[in-house]
Amino acid sequence: MLLPFSDQKSRIKLLVLLMALLIAGATVLYTNVLVQRLSEREQRQIDLYAKTQRYIINTEDTKNLPFLQEQIIEANTTIPVILTNGEYIVDTKNLGLPPHLEPADSLRRLQAVLLEMQRRHPPIVIELPGNTRNYLFYQDSQLLRQLRTYPLAALAVIASLAMMAYIAFSYSRRAEQNRVWVGLAKETAHQLGTPLSSLVGWQEYLRQSERFHDEPIVEELGKDIKRLEIITERFSNIGSVPVLKAENLYLTTRNAIAYLESRVSRKVKFTIETDLPLDTPACINVPLFDWVVENICKNAVDAMDGRGSITLRLRAVKTRRQWWRRRAPRPQVAIDITDTGKGIPKNKLENVFTPGYTTKKRGWGLGLALARRIIDNYHEGRLFVKWSEVGKGTTFRLILNQ
């Protein structure tokens, strides 16, 4: 399940997306209405233009010719037209061809425009005396063509602005989350310091007491104190630049699960397998790396209800050259952590690393989110679900640089 704040964030994203779709849809519909009306208007105008041409050619009354020429023929300053007699071009208007073209170039341009007009609209036939005809070809005005493409341009601009706003919002939210993570981690480390100091004192007192001489509880208490010190160091490292060192990957992984192995159900079997040489190094920060491995293994133990097997396999992976990076990619190694638990449904795979997502009744859903942050941000690696099937188990892949 998703905790309320994460679920609310998803609802806000969905609401914003729906509003953007509504605005885009309204823009397209309204623009289409305008385009349709303007197209009908231009169609009426070109019909009147053709009728006027027919009247001018056929009439013998010259009284109204100046008026028709001025008010209809010359008034058309937007719709491109070409008048032909079936073989030759008789007249052109509003074609927008460059002036001072060579005759051959001008003819090629006219023929290209004429072909485009024929493709767009059927010609208007003008009947002439002597059983002859003229043909009026036309195409949409520049304004109408621009208006047809306006929705795409508007949507592209809106999408670009929305993307920029989303990136800015995500960056701001990520920065805020980082401050929360760091503040929480530092405060936790500070709060652990006081009882830890007290436990160290009590351990020393018990060690010097004859009553508890050679008692195993003293050594076990020392192990838990050491563990608390490691946890405190982990929290202290959150927010600061961790020191990465080339560590033996097999030994470090073995040590990471050793503490957990002795403190979970004995019905859980841990196995480490490797396809790499035992001395293969990896650049890691040991306390943070241990945290990630233990967190994934603890989740696996919970998914198996304390009964099953967890296998950690070390293997090499092929590195892909990233086009935005000039330098050659560093060699990488992978750790596949496979359990025999309940598995994760496919529709939930995207949520497992979301802060607030948890399947536990008392969980906060922060463990895997923090684990990915440690690997992706601090180790410049990757942490993802490689495979999962309900009822069979899950495999998490952890990729590190060498």
Protein backbone atom coordinates (compact mmCIF):
# COMPACT_ATOMS: atom_id res chain seq x y z
CA MET A 1 0.00 0.00 0.00
CA LEU A 2 0.97 3.64 -0.39
CA LEU A 3 1.03 5.88 2.65
CA PRO A 4 -1.32 8.91 2.49
CA PHE A 5 1.28 11.49 1.43
CA SER A 6 2.48 9.32 -1.45
CA ASP A 7 -1.08 8.52 -2.54
CA GLN A 8 -1.97 12.21 -2.40
CA LYS A 9 1.03 13.05 -4.60
CA SER A 10 -0.18 10.54 -7.20
CA ARG A 11 -3.64 12.08 -7.16
CA ILE A 12 -2.23 15.58 -7.65
CA LYS A 13 -0.21 14.37 -10.65
CA LEU A 14 -3.33 12.74 -12.13
CA LEU A 15 -5.37 15.91 -11.57
CA VAL A 16 -2.74 18.08 -13.25
CA LEU A 17 -2.57 15.66 -16.19
CA LEU A 18 -6.37 15.69 -16.59
CA MET A 19 -6.44 19.50 -16.50
CA ALA A 20 -3.70 19.67 -19.14
CA LEU A 21 -5.62 17.23 -21.34
CA LEU A 22 -8.81 19.25 -20.95
CA ILE A 23 -7.03 22.48 -21.91
CA ALA A 24 -5.39 20.80 -24.89
CA GLY A 25 -8.68 19.26 -26.02
CA ALA A 26 -10.55 22.56 -25.70
CA THR A 27 -7.82 24.34 -27.69
CA VAL A 28 -7.96 21.78 -30.51
CA LEU A 29 -11.78 21.79 -30.69
CA TYR A 30 -12.09 25.58 -30.68
CA THR A 31 -9.35 25.96 -33.29
CA ASN A 32 -11.05 23.37 -35.51
CA VAL A 33 -14.28 25.36 -35.32
CA LEU A 34 -12.44 28.51 -36.40
CA VAL A 35 -10.70 26.65 -39.21
CA GLN A 36 -13.99 25.25 -40.46
CA ARG A 37 -15.67 28.66 -40.48
CA LEU A 38 -12.74 30.34 -42.22
CA SER A 39 -12.57 27.53 -44.77
CA GLU A 40 -16.28 27.93 -45.59
CA ARG A 41 -15.80 31.68 -45.91
CA GLU A 42 -12.89 31.26 -48.32
CA GLN A 43 -14.90 28.73 -50.33
CA ARG A 44 -17.71 31.26 -50.78
CA GLN A 45 -15.17 33.93 -51.66
CA ILE A 46 -13.48 31.81 -54.34
CA ASP A 47 -16.89 30.82 -55.78
CA LEU A 48 -17.75 34.50 -56.08
CA TYR A 49 -14.33 35.13 -57.64
CA ALA A 50 -14.98 32.45 -60.29
CA LYS A 51 -18.46 33.78 -61.07
CA THR A 52 -17.03 37.28 -61.46
CA GLN A 53 -14.36 36.00 -63.85
CA ARG A 54 -17.05 34.26 -65.89
CA TYR A 55 -19.20 37.42 -65.97
CA ILE A 56 -16.30 39.67 -66.98
CA ILE A 57 -15.30 37.37 -69.84
CA ASN A 58 -18.84 36.72 -71.13
CA THR A 59 -20.55 40.09 -70.70
CA GLU A 60 -20.60 42.88 -73.25
CA ASP A 61 -21.73 45.44 -70.70
CA THR A 62 -18.66 47.30 -69.51
CA LYS A 63 -20.52 49.55 -67.11
CA ASN A 64 -19.99 47.40 -64.02
CA LEU A 65 -16.59 46.05 -64.93
CA PRO A 66 -14.52 48.61 -62.93
CA PHE A 67 -16.61 47.95 -59.86
CA LEU A 68 -16.34 44.16 -60.16
CA GLN A 69 -12.63 44.35 -60.90
CA GLU A 70 -11.95 46.52 -57.88
CA GLN A 71 -14.35 45.05 -55.32
CA ILE A 72 -13.97 41.32 -56.09
CA ILE A 73 -10.98 40.54 -58.28
CA GLU A 74 -8.53 43.02 -56.76
CA ALA A 75 -10.01 42.59 -53.27
CA ASN A 76 -8.73 39.01 -53.13
CA THR A 77 -5.33 39.51 -51.55
CA THR A 78 -5.07 36.27 -49.55
CA ILE A 79 -6.28 33.26 -51.57
CA PRO A 80 -3.70 32.00 -54.15
CA VAL A 81 -5.30 31.34 -57.56
CA ILE A 82 -4.15 30.23 -61.01
CA LEU A 83 -6.38 30.64 -64.08
CA THR A 84 -5.66 28.32 -67.05
CA ASN A 85 -7.32 27.52 -70.36
CA GLY A 86 -6.47 23.87 -70.10
CA GLU A 87 -3.06 24.22 -71.79
CA TYR A 88 -1.54 27.50 -70.68
CA ILE A 89 -1.58 29.63 -67.57
CA VAL A 90 -3.72 32.71 -68.23
CA ASP A 91 -3.44 34.56 -64.90
CA THR A 92 -2.07 34.14 -61.36
CA LYS A 93 -2.67 35.91 -58.08
CA ASN A 94 -1.28 35.81 -54.52
CA LEU A 95 1.25 33.05 -55.22
CA GLY A 96 4.04 34.78 -53.33
CA LEU A 97 6.74 33.78 -55.81
CA PRO A 98 10.07 35.61 -55.56
CA PRO A 99 10.39 38.48 -58.05
CA HIS A 100 13.00 38.62 -60.81
CA LEU A 101 13.02 34.86 -61.43
CA GLU A 102 14.31 33.50 -64.69
CA PRO A 103 11.47 32.43 -67.03
CA ALA A 104 12.41 28.77 -66.75
CA ASP A 105 12.56 28.91 -62.93
CA SER A 106 9.29 30.81 -62.78
CA LEU A 107 7.57 28.23 -64.98
CA ARG A 108 8.82 25.35 -62.80
CA ARG A 109 7.58 27.11 -59.69
CA LEU A 110 4.16 27.74 -61.26
CA GLN A 111 3.83 24.13 -62.34
CA ALA A 112 4.72 22.90 -58.85
CA VAL A 113 2.15 25.22 -57.27
CA LEU A 114 -0.45 24.16 -59.84
CA LEU A 115 0.10 20.48 -59.02
CA GLU A 116 -0.30 21.25 -55.32
CA MET A 117 -3.55 23.10 -56.03
CA GLN A 118 -4.86 20.19 -58.07
CA ARG A 119 -4.11 17.87 -55.16
CA ARG A 120 -5.86 20.09 -52.64
CA HIS A 121 -9.04 21.19 -54.45
CA PRO A 122 -10.82 20.32 -57.71
CA PRO A 123 -10.72 23.24 -60.19
CA ILE A 124 -13.72 25.51 -60.79
CA VAL A 125 -14.83 25.34 -64.43
CA ILE A 126 -15.59 28.69 -66.13
CA GLU A 127 -17.71 28.26 -69.27
CA LEU A 128 -16.73 30.59 -72.16
CA PRO A 129 -18.27 31.44 -75.53
CA GLY A 130 -17.43 29.09 -78.36
CA ASN A 131 -17.73 26.01 -76.19
CA THR A 132 -14.39 26.70 -74.49
CA ARG A 133 -13.50 26.59 -70.82
CA ASN A 134 -11.14 28.12 -68.32
CA TYR A 135 -10.14 26.42 -65.11
CA LEU A 136 -9.65 28.24 -61.81
CA PHE A 137 -7.26 26.48 -59.43
CA TYR A 138 -6.86 27.68 -55.86
CA GLN A 139 -5.53 26.71 -52.45
CA ASP A 140 -6.08 27.75 -48.84
CA SER A 141 -4.78 31.13 -47.78
CA GLN A 142 -1.65 31.43 -45.72
CA LEU A 143 -3.75 32.42 -42.71
CA LEU A 144 -5.90 29.29 -42.99
CA ARG A 145 -2.84 27.04 -43.37
CA GLN A 146 -1.23 28.60 -40.31
CA LEU A 147 -4.45 28.24 -38.36
CA ARG A 148 -4.58 24.54 -39.24
CA THR A 149 -1.13 23.98 -37.74
CA TYR A 150 -1.75 26.27 -34.77
CA PRO A 151 -3.08 23.51 -32.45
CA LEU A 152 0.10 21.46 -32.94
CA ALA A 153 2.30 24.48 -32.31
CA ALA A 154 0.23 25.48 -29.28
CA LEU A 155 0.32 21.95 -27.87
CA ALA A 156 4.08 21.79 -28.41
CA VAL A 157 4.54 25.06 -26.53
CA ILE A 158 2.20 23.96 -23.73
CA ALA A 159 3.97 20.61 -23.49
CA SER A 160 7.38 22.32 -23.37
CA LEU A 161 6.25 24.71 -20.64
CA ALA A 162 4.65 21.85 -18.72
CA MET A 163 7.84 19.81 -19.01
CA MET A 164 9.97 22.72 -17.82
CA ALA A 165 7.60 23.32 -14.91
CA TYR A 166 7.63 19.61 -14.04
CA ILE A 167 11.43 19.49 -14.12
CA ALA A 168 11.67 22.60 -11.95
CA PHE A 169 9.08 21.22 -9.54
CA SER A 170 10.77 17.82 -9.41
CA TYR A 171 14.16 19.41 -8.79
CA SER A 172 12.74 21.58 -6.02
CA ARG A 173 10.89 18.63 -4.47
CA ARG A 174 13.98 16.42 -4.72
CA ALA A 175 16.08 19.10 -3.02
CA GLU A 176 13.48 19.39 -0.29
CA GLN A 177 13.40 15.61 0.12
CA ASN A 178 17.18 15.55 0.36
CA ARG A 179 17.05 18.11 3.16
CA VAL A 180 14.44 16.01 4.96
CA TRP A 181 16.52 12.83 4.51
CA VAL A 182 19.65 14.55 5.78
CA GLY A 183 17.89 16.21 8.72
CA LEU A 184 16.22 12.96 9.74
CA ALA A 185 19.46 10.99 9.46
CA LYS A 186 21.53 13.53 11.39
CA GLU A 187 18.95 13.78 14.14
CA THR A 188 18.74 9.98 14.40
CA ALA A 189 22.52 9.71 14.70
CA HIS A 190 22.48 12.41 17.37
CA GLN A 191 19.73 10.69 19.35
CA LEU A 192 21.54 7.34 19.18
CA GLY A 193 24.71 8.86 20.56
CA THR A 194 23.52 9.28 24.17
CA PRO A 195 22.21 5.73 24.85
CA LEU A 196 25.14 4.30 22.93
CA SER A 197 27.62 6.01 25.20
CA SER A 198 25.70 4.67 28.18
CA LEU A 199 25.75 1.12 26.77
CA VAL A 200 29.51 1.31 26.25
CA GLY A 201 29.89 2.25 29.92
CA TRP A 202 27.65 -0.58 31.08
CA GLN A 203 29.55 -3.09 28.95
CA GLU A 204 32.81 -1.98 30.49
CA TYR A 205 31.29 -2.26 33.99
CA LEU A 206 30.04 -5.80 33.30
CA ARG A 207 33.35 -6.82 31.81
CA GLN A 208 35.21 -5.78 34.97
CA SER A 209 32.64 -7.36 37.28
CA GLU A 210 33.61 -10.79 38.65
CA ARG A 211 29.95 -11.81 38.61
CA PHE A 212 29.80 -11.62 34.81
CA HIS A 213 33.30 -12.90 34.19
CA ASP A 214 33.38 -15.18 31.11
CA GLU A 215 29.64 -14.64 30.56
CA PRO A 216 28.76 -14.78 26.79
CA ILE A 217 26.18 -12.05 27.30
CA VAL A 218 28.96 -9.50 27.69
CA GLU A 219 30.44 -10.37 24.31
CA GLU A 220 27.01 -10.41 22.67
CA LEU A 221 26.33 -6.99 24.18
CA GLY A 222 29.61 -5.82 22.70
CA LYS A 223 28.55 -7.04 19.27
CA ASP A 224 25.26 -5.16 19.51
CA ILE A 225 27.08 -2.02 20.64
CA LYS A 226 29.41 -2.35 17.68
CA ARG A 227 26.35 -2.75 15.51
CA LEU A 228 24.77 0.39 16.90
CA GLU A 229 28.00 2.27 16.26
CA ILE A 230 27.90 1.13 12.62
CA ILE A 231 24.26 2.22 12.32
CA THR A 232 25.09 5.60 13.83
CA GLU A 233 27.93 5.99 11.34
CA ARG A 234 25.56 5.14 8.51
CA PHE A 235 23.11 7.82 9.52
CA SER A 236 25.96 10.29 9.96
CA ASN A 237 27.13 9.62 6.39
CA ILE A 238 23.73 10.54 4.92
CA GLY A 239 23.97 14.01 3.42
CA SER A 240 27.75 14.12 3.31
CA VAL A 241 29.90 12.95 0.43
CA PRO A 242 30.76 9.33 1.27
CA VAL A 243 34.27 8.04 0.84
CA LEU A 244 34.32 5.24 -1.72
CA LYS A 245 37.14 2.74 -1.57
CA ALA A 246 38.06 -0.33 -3.60
CA GLU A 247 36.89 -3.12 -1.30
CA ASN A 248 36.86 -6.89 -1.78
CA LEU A 249 33.30 -7.41 -2.97
CA TYR A 250 32.92 -11.04 -1.88
CA LEU A 251 34.23 -10.49 1.66
CA THR A 252 32.25 -7.29 2.10
CA THR A 253 29.05 -8.99 0.99
CA ARG A 254 29.78 -11.96 3.24
CA ASN A 255 30.29 -9.65 6.23
CA ALA A 256 27.13 -7.69 5.36
CA ILE A 257 24.87 -10.70 5.84
CA ALA A 258 26.83 -12.35 8.66
CA TYR A 259 25.24 -10.19 11.38
CA LEU A 260 21.75 -10.59 9.92
CA GLU A 261 22.18 -14.33 9.35
CA SER A 262 22.63 -15.02 13.05
CA ARG A 263 19.63 -12.92 14.06
CA VAL A 264 16.85 -14.13 11.77
CA SER A 265 14.97 -17.41 11.73
CA ARG A 266 17.14 -20.46 11.30
CA LYS A 267 14.67 -21.58 8.66
CA VAL A 268 16.07 -18.93 6.34
CA LYS A 269 19.10 -20.17 4.40
CA PHE A 270 21.64 -17.63 3.09
CA THR A 271 23.88 -18.54 0.16
CA ILE A 272 26.57 -16.51 -1.61
CA GLU A 273 27.58 -17.57 -5.10
CA THR A 274 30.09 -15.84 -7.34
CA ASP A 275 31.02 -15.93 -11.00
CA LEU A 276 33.90 -13.56 -10.25
CA PRO A 277 37.37 -14.09 -8.81
CA LEU A 278 37.24 -13.94 -5.03
CA ASP A 279 39.51 -10.87 -4.98
CA THR A 280 37.30 -8.80 -7.33
CA PRO A 281 37.12 -5.21 -6.02
CA ALA A 282 34.26 -2.69 -6.10
CA CYS A 283 34.19 1.01 -5.17
CA ILE A 284 31.88 1.18 -2.18
CA ASN A 285 31.33 2.80 1.17
CA VAL A 286 31.16 -0.22 3.45
CA PRO A 287 28.69 1.07 6.11
CA LEU A 288 26.22 2.30 3.49
CA PHE A 289 26.66 -0.79 1.32
CA ASP A 290 25.99 -3.04 4.32
CA TRP A 291 22.84 -1.05 5.01
CA VAL A 292 21.52 -1.62 1.48
CA VAL A 293 22.22 -5.36 1.48
CA GLU A 294 20.73 -5.87 4.93
CA ASN A 295 17.65 -3.83 4.06
CA ILE A 296 16.93 -5.91 0.96
CA CYS A 297 17.58 -9.15 2.86
CA LYS A 298 15.30 -8.10 5.73
CA ASN A 299 12.51 -7.37 3.27
CA ALA A 300 13.13 -10.79 1.72
CA VAL A 301 12.88 -12.49 5.14
CA ASP A 302 9.56 -10.72 5.76
CA ALA A 303 8.30 -11.72 2.28
CA MET A 304 9.10 -15.36 3.04
CA ASP A 305 7.46 -15.23 6.50
CA GLY A 306 10.75 -16.37 8.03
CA ARG A 307 11.09 -19.52 5.94
CA GLY A 308 12.92 -19.96 2.64
CA SER A 309 16.25 -19.17 1.00
CA ILE A 310 18.10 -16.00 -0.01
CA THR A 311 20.80 -16.30 -2.66
CA LEU A 312 23.34 -13.56 -3.39
CA ARG A 313 25.13 -14.05 -6.71
CA LEU A 314 28.07 -11.89 -7.75
CA ARG A 315 28.61 -11.50 -11.48
CA ALA A 316 30.08 -9.22 -14.11
CA VAL A 317 27.85 -7.02 -16.27
CA LYS A 318 28.37 -5.36 -19.62
CA THR A 319 28.78 -1.63 -19.34
CA ARG A 320 27.04 0.57 -21.88
CA ARG A 321 28.69 3.69 -23.18
CA GLN A 322 26.52 6.71 -22.43
CA TRP A 323 26.45 9.25 -25.27
CA TRP A 324 26.55 12.28 -22.98
CA ARG A 325 29.77 11.15 -21.30
CA ARG A 326 33.03 11.55 -23.15
CA ARG A 327 35.08 9.17 -21.07
CA ALA A 328 34.85 5.42 -21.44
CA PRO A 329 32.50 3.68 -19.00
CA ARG A 330 33.99 2.07 -15.93
CA PRO A 331 33.77 -1.71 -15.55
CA GLN A 332 30.89 -2.80 -13.34
CA VAL A 333 29.84 -5.75 -11.23
CA ALA A 334 26.40 -6.85 -10.12
CA ILE A 335 24.91 -8.51 -7.07
CA ASP A 336 21.65 -10.37 -7.63
CA ILE A 337 19.72 -10.92 -4.40
CA THR A 338 17.05 -13.59 -4.97
CA ASP A 339 14.48 -14.76 -2.44
CA THR A 340 11.77 -17.41 -2.48
CA GLY A 341 9.11 -15.13 -1.07
CA LYS A 342 5.68 -13.96 -2.16
CA GLY A 343 6.88 -11.99 -5.19
CA ILE A 344 5.71 -8.58 -6.38
CA PRO A 345 2.77 -8.09 -8.78
CA LYS A 346 3.75 -6.49 -12.07
CA ASN A 347 1.52 -3.48 -11.46
CA LYS A 348 3.37 -2.80 -8.20
CA LEU A 349 6.96 -3.00 -9.48
CA GLU A 350 7.13 0.74 -10.15
CA ASN A 351 6.05 1.52 -6.59
CA VAL A 352 8.50 -0.51 -4.53
CA PHE A 353 11.09 2.32 -4.49
CA THR A 354 8.51 5.06 -3.90
CA PRO A 355 8.80 6.65 -0.44
CA GLY A 356 5.72 5.64 1.51
CA TYR A 357 4.99 2.39 -0.33
CA THR A 358 4.90 -0.60 1.98
CA THR A 359 3.14 -3.95 2.34
CA LYS A 360 3.73 -4.06 6.09
CA LYS A 361 1.08 -2.95 8.56
CA ARG A 362 3.62 -1.02 10.61
CA GLY A 363 6.09 -0.10 7.88
CA TRP A 364 6.96 3.41 6.74
CA GLY A 365 8.01 2.44 3.23
CA LEU A 366 11.37 4.25 3.42
CA GLY A 367 13.88 1.37 3.37
CA LEU A 368 14.05 0.64 -0.36
CA ALA A 369 13.69 4.31 -1.25
CA LEU A 370 16.73 5.10 0.89
CA ALA A 371 18.60 2.06 -0.47
CA ARG A 372 18.15 3.24 -4.06
CA ARG A 373 19.21 6.74 -3.06
CA ILE A 374 22.41 5.33 -1.54
CA ILE A 375 23.29 3.26 -4.62
CA ASP A 376 22.18 5.70 -7.34
CA ASN A 377 23.33 8.98 -5.80
CA TYR A 378 26.27 8.04 -3.60
CA HIS A 379 27.72 5.05 -5.46
CA GLU A 380 26.72 6.13 -9.00
CA GLY A 381 25.32 2.65 -9.55
CA ARG A 382 21.85 1.20 -10.03
CA LEU A 383 19.34 -0.67 -7.89
CA PHE A 384 16.24 -2.17 -9.50
CA VAL A 385 13.96 -5.19 -9.57
CA LYS A 386 15.40 -7.58 -12.14
CA TRP A 387 12.72 -10.27 -11.84
CA SER A 388 9.67 -11.02 -9.76
CA GLU A 389 6.80 -13.48 -9.99
CA VAL A 390 3.95 -13.81 -7.56
CA GLY A 391 4.29 -16.95 -5.47
CA LYS A 392 7.87 -17.67 -6.63
CA GLY A 393 10.09 -14.83 -5.44
CA THR A 394 11.95 -11.68 -6.38
CA THR A 395 15.43 -10.74 -7.58
CA PHE A 396 16.90 -7.31 -6.85
CA ARG A 397 19.95 -6.34 -8.92
CA LEU A 398 22.55 -4.03 -7.43
CA ILE A 399 25.16 -2.66 -9.90
CA LEU A 400 28.42 -1.10 -8.65
CA ASN A 401 31.47 0.44 -10.29
CA GLN A 402 34.85 -1.20 -9.95
